Every structure is written in C-alpha cells, then in structure tokens.
C-alpha cells in the first residue's frame, strides 16, 4: 500500500511544483484558520440545538480552547466514548453479562422512563446475567452518535439504535426494537471512559413470528414513543 501511494504522489501535479508554487497551492486549498479555529471545531464536532428557531452549536468544553492539542484530545475522547457504546452492544450480543457490567462505573445507573433507576455495576451485571441467557441470538446496531463534552472528563451522548432479539422459548416472538440511547460517560482515574448513566428510550418495538412475518394485530406492542419530550442536551438521569 505504501509503495502504491508513493507512486501516485510522484505522478501528481503537486510533486512537480517548485517550493514557492507549492506554498501558493497550499494557501489556496488550505487557507489559514487563524481566528476561525474555534468556530471550525464547533461546527465539526459539537452537539447541535435549536435556539429561537435557529440551529446553533451547544456549548462544548473543548470549543472553549482553540488549541490544536485540545482539538486532537477531543477527537480521541470522542472515539473512546463511541467505542464504549460499541463495547456495550457487542457484549449484549455476545451474552457477556460481565462485559456489559464492566462498561459501567461502580455506581453506574440504568434509567428507563417510568421505572426506578437500577444503580450499581453489580446489580446491572446481575440483571443482564438473568436476561441474556434467554436469548437465542441478538444483533444491536448503533449510529448517529452526537457527543457533548461537559468537561474533559464527562460527556453526554445521544445515539440511535436498532436491535433484533430472538428468544430460545418457542412461545416468545422475535422482537425488533428501535430507539435511542442517552448516555452520561465519564473518564475515570485509570483513563478509561465508562457509563455513569444509561437511559434507553424506545421509539417502537415490533414482534414477528418465527418465519419473520408480523402477526396481525400483534405486531405493534411493547414500548414506544419514549423519545418525545426528552430534555436536550440529553439528561440520562431524568
């Protein structure tokens, strides 16, 4: 790969330019961002919100400092936060209750609409230890992550998910779920990001027969419409 890339660069118009020509080309393609770095960082990275009918960038900790080091730190922190959610989903699908629990802080919470919060890593691990063995298989997909850094050690996340759960029991239908994760993630003393609070809001759930067809009158049930009237930016503990 490196050899192919080197050959392509040798043949590019830029490689035949003189030093001063390259400088002019760089100014044209990559204009100086002095005085605009903060705005660029905000536009690219920070969570959006509506104020007086107009789209604006939510206040983000890293947007306060335009230094390159902090911009890079934000990119790395965002990657680790997104990886944390991917770890959670992977462990659910692998039926690894210990792995799910490890994604939470020692006093982490699961907060669901209309239900009391489940507090503590041990209790969360125990819950998944009971729920996951009932599954034959499952698949969770996460996307559309929006991340707001309240500080360099704390982030609020909103992410969409789709999930398919197939159960071992013959009398339990497969379930397709769609919704959103609201997450408060914190960086702990060991440098790892973990979930301090997770709120799962279901937009809808569909149940299907073993051959994949929705059953008449029984397809739409379970939890739905929980994403409406939620606070923004996300408040997972509410």
Protein backbone atom coordinates (compact mmCIF):
# COMPACT_ATOMS: atom_id res chain seq x y z
CA UNK A 1 0.00 0.00 0.00
CA UNK A 2 2.77 2.47 0.89
CA UNK A 3 4.53 1.75 -2.41
CA UNK A 4 1.38 2.38 -4.44
CA UNK A 5 0.72 5.62 -2.56
CA UNK A 6 4.31 6.76 -3.19
CA UNK A 7 3.95 6.12 -6.94
CA UNK A 8 0.69 8.05 -7.08
CA UNK A 9 2.24 11.03 -5.30
CA UNK A 10 5.20 11.03 -7.68
CA UNK A 11 2.78 11.34 -10.60
CA UNK A 12 0.61 14.04 -9.02
CA UNK A 13 0.79 17.67 -10.29
CA UNK A 14 1.81 18.82 -6.83
CA UNK A 15 5.02 16.77 -6.94
CA UNK A 16 6.30 18.71 -9.96
CA UNK A 17 5.74 22.15 -8.41
CA UNK A 18 8.51 24.35 -7.14
CA UNK A 19 8.62 25.18 -3.44
CA UNK A 20 7.03 28.61 -3.85
CA UNK A 21 4.34 27.17 -6.12
CA UNK A 22 3.51 24.53 -3.52
CA UNK A 23 3.18 27.26 -0.92
CA UNK A 24 0.70 29.17 -3.08
CA UNK A 25 -1.21 25.96 -3.80
CA UNK A 26 -1.39 25.19 -0.07
CA UNK A 27 -2.72 28.68 0.69
CA UNK A 28 -5.42 28.21 -1.95
CA UNK A 29 -6.52 24.76 -0.80
CA UNK A 30 -5.82 25.14 2.93
CA UNK A 31 -6.32 28.80 3.88
CA UNK A 32 -5.10 29.97 7.24
CA UNK A 33 -7.54 29.22 10.05
CA UNK A 34 -6.23 31.83 12.46
CA UNK A 35 -9.19 33.31 14.30
CA UNK A 36 -11.55 30.65 12.94
CA UNK A 37 -10.19 27.51 14.59
CA UNK A 38 -12.70 27.65 17.43
CA UNK A 39 -15.63 28.05 15.03
CA UNK A 40 -14.34 25.20 12.87
CA UNK A 41 -14.03 22.92 15.88
CA UNK A 42 -17.56 23.78 16.97
CA UNK A 43 -19.08 23.26 13.53
CA UNK A 44 -17.46 19.91 13.06
CA UNK A 45 -17.72 18.32 16.45
CA UNK A 46 -20.16 19.79 18.96
CA UNK A 47 -23.78 18.82 19.56
CA UNK A 48 -26.43 21.00 17.91
CA UNK A 49 -29.54 22.57 19.38
CA UNK A 50 -32.31 24.94 18.34
CA UNK A 51 -32.50 28.43 19.82
CA UNK A 52 -35.24 30.84 18.74
CA UNK A 53 -35.91 28.71 15.68
CA UNK A 54 -32.29 28.68 14.51
CA UNK A 55 -29.67 25.92 14.59
CA UNK A 56 -26.74 26.66 16.89
CA UNK A 57 -23.84 24.78 18.43
CA UNK A 58 -24.30 23.72 22.04
CA UNK A 59 -21.68 24.89 24.50
CA UNK A 60 -18.91 22.31 24.46
CA UNK A 61 -15.95 22.19 26.86
CA UNK A 62 -13.37 21.72 24.11
CA UNK A 63 -14.79 24.53 21.99
CA UNK A 64 -13.63 26.98 24.64
CA UNK A 65 -9.97 26.39 23.75
CA UNK A 66 -8.89 26.64 20.09
CA UNK A 67 -5.54 24.91 20.61
CA UNK A 68 -4.65 22.08 18.28
CA UNK A 69 -3.79 19.86 21.24
CA UNK A 70 -7.29 20.20 22.70
CA UNK A 71 -8.92 19.63 19.32
CA UNK A 72 -6.96 16.39 18.97
CA UNK A 73 -7.81 15.47 22.56
CA UNK A 74 -11.49 15.89 21.75
CA UNK A 75 -11.26 13.65 18.70
CA UNK A 76 -9.54 10.95 20.73
CA UNK A 77 -12.03 11.29 23.59
CA UNK A 78 -14.97 11.07 21.20
CA UNK A 79 -13.53 7.92 19.63
CA UNK A 80 -13.21 6.31 23.04
CA UNK A 81 -16.74 7.27 24.04
CA UNK A 82 -18.13 5.81 20.80
CA UNK A 83 -16.03 2.67 21.35
CA UNK A 84 -17.58 2.40 24.83
CA UNK A 85 -21.07 2.18 23.30
CA UNK A 86 -19.84 -0.34 20.73
CA UNK A 87 -18.39 -2.43 23.57
CA UNK A 88 -21.72 -2.38 25.40
CA UNK A 89 -23.62 -3.53 22.29
CA UNK A 90 -21.05 -6.22 21.45
CA UNK A 91 -21.21 -7.69 24.95
CA UNK A 92 -25.01 -7.79 24.86
CA UNK A 93 -24.91 -9.72 21.58
CA UNK A 94 -22.15 -11.99 22.91
CA UNK A 95 -24.32 -12.64 26.01
CA UNK A 96 -21.44 -11.46 28.17
CA UNK A 97 -23.04 -10.02 31.30
CA UNK A 98 -19.67 -9.35 32.91
CA UNK A 99 -18.58 -7.39 29.86
CA UNK A 100 -21.77 -5.34 29.97
CA UNK A 101 -21.26 -4.57 33.65
CA UNK A 102 -17.64 -3.60 33.06
CA UNK A 103 -18.83 -0.80 30.77
CA UNK A 104 -20.39 0.95 33.79
CA UNK A 105 -18.82 2.81 36.67
CA UNK A 106 -19.03 1.19 40.10
CA UNK A 107 -22.08 3.34 40.90
CA UNK A 108 -23.41 3.45 37.32
CA UNK A 109 -27.14 3.68 36.68
CA UNK A 110 -29.65 2.35 34.17
CA UNK A 111 -32.53 4.82 33.95
CA UNK A 112 -35.65 3.97 31.96
CA UNK A 113 -38.82 6.06 31.53
CA UNK A 114 -41.43 5.19 34.15
CA UNK A 115 -39.12 2.83 36.01
CA UNK A 116 -36.91 3.26 39.07
CA UNK A 117 -33.20 3.56 38.28
CA UNK A 118 -31.10 0.42 38.65
CA UNK A 119 -27.99 1.57 40.50
CA UNK A 120 -24.61 -0.10 40.79
CA UNK A 121 -22.40 -2.15 38.48
CA UNK A 122 -23.08 -5.33 40.47
CA UNK A 123 -26.86 -5.00 40.09
CA UNK A 124 -26.60 -4.17 36.38
CA UNK A 125 -24.35 -7.19 35.83
CA UNK A 126 -26.80 -9.39 37.74
CA UNK A 127 -29.75 -8.14 35.66
CA UNK A 128 -28.02 -8.90 32.36
CA UNK A 129 -26.93 -12.24 33.77
CA UNK A 130 -30.61 -13.11 34.05
CA UNK A 131 -31.81 -11.55 30.78
CA UNK A 132 -29.16 -12.62 28.28
CA UNK A 133 -29.38 -16.43 28.69
CA UNK A 134 -32.99 -16.27 27.46
CA UNK A 135 -31.77 -15.11 24.04
CA UNK A 136 -31.01 -17.47 21.20
CA UNK A 137 -29.24 -14.64 19.40
CA UNK A 138 -29.38 -10.87 19.00
CA UNK A 139 -27.91 -8.02 17.00
CA UNK A 140 -27.55 -4.37 18.03
CA UNK A 141 -26.55 -1.57 15.66
CA UNK A 142 -25.64 1.91 16.91
CA UNK A 143 -25.38 5.09 14.85
CA UNK A 144 -25.97 8.84 14.63
CA UNK A 145 -23.90 9.50 17.75
CA UNK A 146 -23.91 13.08 18.97
CA UNK A 147 -21.45 13.90 21.74
CA UNK A 148 -21.31 16.93 24.02
CA UNK A 149 -18.34 17.30 26.36
CA UNK A 150 -19.41 18.98 29.59
CA UNK A 151 -15.76 18.79 30.65
CA UNK A 152 -12.64 16.89 29.61
CA UNK A 153 -13.78 14.08 31.94
CA UNK A 154 -17.54 13.98 31.26
CA UNK A 155 -19.56 13.57 28.07
CA UNK A 156 -23.25 13.41 27.19
CA UNK A 157 -24.16 11.17 24.26
CA UNK A 158 -27.28 10.69 22.15
CA UNK A 159 -27.23 7.70 19.79
CA UNK A 160 -29.78 5.80 17.73
CA UNK A 161 -30.02 2.02 17.90
CA UNK A 162 -31.73 -0.88 16.17
CA UNK A 163 -31.91 -4.28 17.81
CA UNK A 164 -33.17 -7.74 16.92
CA UNK A 165 -33.70 -10.28 19.68
CA UNK A 166 -34.54 -13.94 19.07
CA UNK A 167 -35.50 -15.99 22.11
CA UNK A 168 -34.96 -19.64 22.97
CA UNK A 169 -38.52 -20.19 24.18
CA UNK A 170 -40.85 -21.28 21.37
CA UNK A 171 -43.74 -19.20 22.68
CA UNK A 172 -41.76 -15.93 22.68
CA UNK A 173 -41.73 -13.99 19.42
CA UNK A 174 -38.68 -12.35 17.91
CA UNK A 175 -38.56 -8.66 18.76
CA UNK A 176 -37.32 -5.77 16.63
CA UNK A 177 -36.62 -2.62 18.64
CA UNK A 178 -35.81 0.91 17.53
CA UNK A 179 -34.87 3.79 19.76
CA UNK A 180 -32.20 5.94 21.33
CA UNK A 181 -29.50 5.70 23.96
CA UNK A 182 -28.89 8.66 26.23
CA UNK A 183 -25.55 8.24 27.97
CA UNK A 184 -23.52 10.07 30.55
CA UNK A 185 -19.94 8.86 30.18
CA UNK A 186 -17.07 9.73 32.50
CA UNK A 187 -13.32 9.24 32.31
CA UNK A 188 -12.14 7.55 35.49
CA UNK A 189 -8.79 7.62 37.27
CA UNK A 190 -7.39 4.78 35.14
CA UNK A 191 -8.06 6.77 31.96
CA UNK A 192 -10.93 4.56 30.79
CA UNK A 193 -14.29 6.01 29.81
CA UNK A 194 -17.26 4.25 31.44
CA UNK A 195 -21.01 4.72 31.57
CA UNK A 196 -22.21 6.66 34.61
CA UNK A 197 -25.84 6.64 33.44
CA UNK A 198 -27.68 4.95 30.55
CA UNK A 199 -31.25 5.77 29.56
CA UNK A 200 -32.85 3.63 26.84
CA UNK A 201 -35.77 5.29 25.04
CA UNK A 202 -37.78 3.07 22.71
CA UNK A 203 -39.28 4.65 19.60
CA UNK A 204 -41.08 1.37 18.89
CA UNK A 205 -40.99 -2.40 19.08
CA UNK A 206 -42.28 -4.98 16.61
CA UNK A 207 -42.76 -8.68 17.26
CA UNK A 208 -42.61 -11.23 14.47
CA UNK A 209 -43.38 -14.91 14.04
CA UNK A 210 -40.64 -17.49 13.59
CA UNK A 211 -40.85 -17.16 9.79
CA UNK A 212 -40.28 -13.42 10.04
CA UNK A 213 -43.83 -12.24 9.34
CA UNK A 214 -45.57 -9.74 11.56
CA UNK A 215 -48.64 -11.19 13.22
CA UNK A 216 -51.96 -9.46 12.51
CA UNK A 217 -52.94 -7.29 15.43
CA UNK A 218 -49.91 -8.34 17.43
CA UNK A 219 -47.06 -6.66 15.62
CA UNK A 220 -47.01 -3.29 17.32
CA UNK A 221 -46.72 -3.58 21.07
CA UNK A 222 -44.18 -3.25 23.82
CA UNK A 223 -42.55 0.14 24.46
CA UNK A 224 -42.83 3.03 22.02
CA UNK A 225 -42.81 6.84 21.64
CA UNK A 226 -40.49 7.27 24.63
CA UNK A 227 -38.20 9.65 22.75
CA UNK A 228 -40.70 12.50 22.76
CA UNK A 229 -40.46 15.39 25.24
CA UNK A 230 -36.99 14.32 26.35
CA UNK A 231 -34.59 17.07 27.51
CA UNK A 232 -31.93 18.36 25.13
CA UNK A 233 -28.99 18.19 25.51
CA UNK A 234 -29.59 14.69 26.90
CA UNK A 235 -30.19 14.19 30.62
CA UNK A 236 -29.91 10.41 31.07
CA UNK A 237 -30.80 10.51 34.77
CA UNK A 238 -34.18 12.17 34.14
